[in-house]
Amino acid sequence: MPHKFKVKQMVRLKQPGVSDKWINSTSIYEVVRLMPADQTGELSYRVKSGMTERAVRESEIQRA
């Protein structure tokens, strides 16, 4: 299954989690790396916003 998003594409979190309360829910992230599927088969990405970099699943992000 191909990745829906590409490196350097801008995305945002669909629904910030509890640990993201300090981050504005409208924060824009840049996709910095495509990652393989996790144990459930869902594709993942490394995304970055400012100094914050994190791993997210494809279902957790949407196009900005």
N, C-alpha and C. Protein backbone atom coordinates (compact mmCIF):
# COMPACT_ATOMS: atom_id res chain seq x y z
N MET A 1 0.85 -1.18 0.00
CA MET A 1 0.00 0.00 0.00
C MET A 1 0.89 1.24 0.00
N PRO A 2 0.69 2.17 -0.91
CA PRO A 2 1.53 3.38 -0.97
C PRO A 2 1.14 4.39 0.12
N HIS A 3 2.10 5.22 0.50
CA HIS A 3 1.86 6.28 1.46
C HIS A 3 0.94 7.33 0.84
N LYS A 4 0.04 7.86 1.64
CA LYS A 4 -0.90 8.89 1.19
C LYS A 4 -0.21 10.26 1.12
N PHE A 5 0.73 10.50 2.02
CA PHE A 5 1.43 11.79 2.09
C PHE A 5 2.87 11.62 1.63
N LYS A 6 3.49 12.70 1.21
CA LYS A 6 4.86 12.68 0.69
C LYS A 6 5.77 13.52 1.58
N VAL A 7 7.08 13.26 1.50
CA VAL A 7 8.07 14.05 2.23
C VAL A 7 7.93 15.51 1.80
N LYS A 8 8.04 16.41 2.76
CA LYS A 8 7.92 17.87 2.61
C LYS A 8 6.48 18.35 2.49
N GLN A 9 5.51 17.43 2.52
CA GLN A 9 4.10 17.84 2.49
C GLN A 9 3.70 18.33 3.88
N MET A 10 2.85 19.35 3.93
CA MET A 10 2.39 19.92 5.19
C MET A 10 1.09 19.24 5.62
N VAL A 11 1.06 18.83 6.91
CA VAL A 11 -0.09 18.13 7.47
C VAL A 11 -0.41 18.70 8.84
N ARG A 12 -1.57 18.32 9.36
CA ARG A 12 -1.93 18.67 10.74
C ARG A 12 -2.54 17.46 11.41
N LEU A 13 -2.51 17.43 12.73
CA LEU A 13 -3.11 16.34 13.47
C LEU A 13 -4.63 16.44 13.37
N LYS A 14 -5.30 15.31 13.16
CA LYS A 14 -6.76 15.32 13.10
C LYS A 14 -7.34 15.64 14.48
N GLN A 15 -6.77 15.00 15.52
CA GLN A 15 -7.27 15.18 16.87
C GLN A 15 -6.10 15.05 17.83
N PRO A 16 -5.60 16.17 18.36
CA PRO A 16 -4.46 16.11 19.27
C PRO A 16 -4.78 15.27 20.50
N GLY A 17 -3.79 14.52 20.95
CA GLY A 17 -3.97 13.68 22.12
C GLY A 17 -3.75 14.45 23.41
N VAL A 18 -3.89 13.77 24.52
CA VAL A 18 -3.74 14.38 25.84
C VAL A 18 -2.35 14.99 25.99
N SER A 19 -1.33 14.30 25.51
CA SER A 19 0.04 14.81 25.64
C SER A 19 0.30 15.98 24.72
N ASP A 20 -0.62 16.31 23.84
CA ASP A 20 -0.46 17.42 22.90
C ASP A 20 -1.19 18.68 23.37
N LYS A 21 -1.69 18.69 24.60
CA LYS A 21 -2.47 19.84 25.07
C LYS A 21 -1.68 21.14 25.00
N TRP A 22 -0.39 21.07 25.21
CA TRP A 22 0.44 22.27 25.18
C TRP A 22 0.74 22.74 23.76
N ILE A 23 0.46 21.89 22.77
CA ILE A 23 0.66 22.25 21.37
C ILE A 23 -0.66 22.72 20.80
N ASN A 24 -0.64 23.82 20.08
CA ASN A 24 -1.84 24.32 19.44
C ASN A 24 -2.38 23.27 18.48
N SER A 25 -3.67 22.99 18.57
CA SER A 25 -4.27 21.95 17.74
C SER A 25 -4.20 22.28 16.25
N THR A 26 -3.92 23.52 15.92
CA THR A 26 -3.82 23.90 14.51
C THR A 26 -2.37 23.87 14.03
N SER A 27 -1.46 23.33 14.85
CA SER A 27 -0.05 23.27 14.46
C SER A 27 0.11 22.52 13.14
N ILE A 28 0.93 23.08 12.29
CA ILE A 28 1.22 22.47 11.00
C ILE A 28 2.54 21.73 11.12
N TYR A 29 2.56 20.51 10.61
CA TYR A 29 3.75 19.67 10.63
C TYR A 29 4.20 19.42 9.19
N GLU A 30 5.49 19.22 9.02
CA GLU A 30 6.04 18.85 7.73
C GLU A 30 6.44 17.38 7.80
N VAL A 31 6.05 16.60 6.81
CA VAL A 31 6.45 15.20 6.74
C VAL A 31 7.95 15.18 6.41
N VAL A 32 8.73 14.54 7.30
CA VAL A 32 10.18 14.49 7.08
C VAL A 32 10.68 13.11 6.69
N ARG A 33 9.86 12.07 6.95
CA ARG A 33 10.28 10.72 6.57
C ARG A 33 9.08 9.80 6.49
N LEU A 34 9.08 8.93 5.48
CA LEU A 34 8.06 7.89 5.35
C LEU A 34 8.56 6.68 6.11
N MET A 35 7.70 6.09 6.92
CA MET A 35 8.09 4.93 7.72
C MET A 35 7.26 3.72 7.29
N PRO A 36 7.75 2.53 7.60
CA PRO A 36 6.99 1.33 7.23
C PRO A 36 5.73 1.17 8.07
N ALA A 37 4.91 0.25 7.68
CA ALA A 37 3.68 -0.04 8.41
C ALA A 37 4.01 -0.60 9.80
N ASP A 38 3.13 -0.30 10.76
CA ASP A 38 3.30 -0.83 12.10
C ASP A 38 2.70 -2.24 12.19
N GLN A 39 2.55 -2.76 13.40
CA GLN A 39 2.04 -4.13 13.58
C GLN A 39 0.63 -4.31 13.06
N THR A 40 -0.13 -3.22 13.01
CA THR A 40 -1.51 -3.31 12.53
C THR A 40 -1.61 -3.18 11.01
N GLY A 41 -0.47 -2.86 10.37
CA GLY A 41 -0.46 -2.69 8.92
C GLY A 41 -0.65 -1.26 8.47
N GLU A 42 -0.80 -0.34 9.44
CA GLU A 42 -1.00 1.07 9.09
C GLU A 42 0.34 1.76 8.86
N LEU A 43 0.41 2.55 7.80
CA LEU A 43 1.63 3.28 7.47
C LEU A 43 1.87 4.41 8.46
N SER A 44 3.15 4.75 8.66
CA SER A 44 3.53 5.79 9.61
C SER A 44 4.43 6.82 8.95
N TYR A 45 4.60 7.94 9.65
CA TYR A 45 5.41 9.06 9.16
C TYR A 45 6.16 9.67 10.33
N ARG A 46 7.29 10.32 10.03
CA ARG A 46 7.95 11.22 10.98
C ARG A 46 7.56 12.61 10.51
N VAL A 47 7.05 13.41 11.44
CA VAL A 47 6.65 14.77 11.12
C VAL A 47 7.34 15.73 12.07
N LYS A 48 7.51 16.98 11.63
CA LYS A 48 8.24 17.96 12.43
C LYS A 48 7.54 19.31 12.36
N SER A 49 7.48 19.98 13.51
CA SER A 49 6.98 21.34 13.61
C SER A 49 7.90 22.09 14.56
N GLY A 50 8.66 23.03 14.03
CA GLY A 50 9.63 23.74 14.87
C GLY A 50 10.65 22.76 15.41
N MET A 51 10.78 22.70 16.72
CA MET A 51 11.73 21.80 17.37
C MET A 51 11.09 20.44 17.71
N THR A 52 9.81 20.29 17.46
CA THR A 52 9.09 19.06 17.82
C THR A 52 9.05 18.10 16.64
N GLU A 53 9.57 16.90 16.84
CA GLU A 53 9.49 15.86 15.82
C GLU A 53 8.85 14.64 16.47
N ARG A 54 7.98 13.98 15.74
CA ARG A 54 7.27 12.81 16.30
C ARG A 54 6.87 11.85 15.20
N ALA A 55 6.51 10.66 15.62
CA ALA A 55 5.98 9.64 14.71
C ALA A 55 4.46 9.68 14.80
N VAL A 56 3.80 9.57 13.66
CA VAL A 56 2.33 9.53 13.63
C VAL A 56 1.88 8.47 12.63
N ARG A 57 0.71 7.94 12.87
CA ARG A 57 0.10 7.01 11.93
C ARG A 57 -0.66 7.81 10.88
N GLU A 58 -0.86 7.19 9.73
CA GLU A 58 -1.54 7.87 8.63
C GLU A 58 -2.94 8.32 9.03
N SER A 59 -3.62 7.56 9.86
CA SER A 59 -4.99 7.92 10.27
C SER A 59 -5.03 9.11 11.22
N GLU A 60 -3.88 9.51 11.77
CA GLU A 60 -3.83 10.61 12.74
C GLU A 60 -3.62 11.98 12.11
N ILE A 61 -3.33 12.01 10.81
CA ILE A 61 -3.02 13.29 10.16
C ILE A 61 -3.90 13.53 8.95
N GLN A 62 -3.97 14.80 8.56
CA GLN A 62 -4.71 15.19 7.37
C GLN A 62 -3.91 16.29 6.67
N ARG A 63 -4.20 16.51 5.41
CA ARG A 63 -3.51 17.54 4.65
C ARG A 63 -3.81 18.90 5.26
N ALA A 64 -2.81 19.74 5.35
CA ALA A 64 -2.98 21.09 5.92
C ALA A 64 -3.56 22.04 4.89
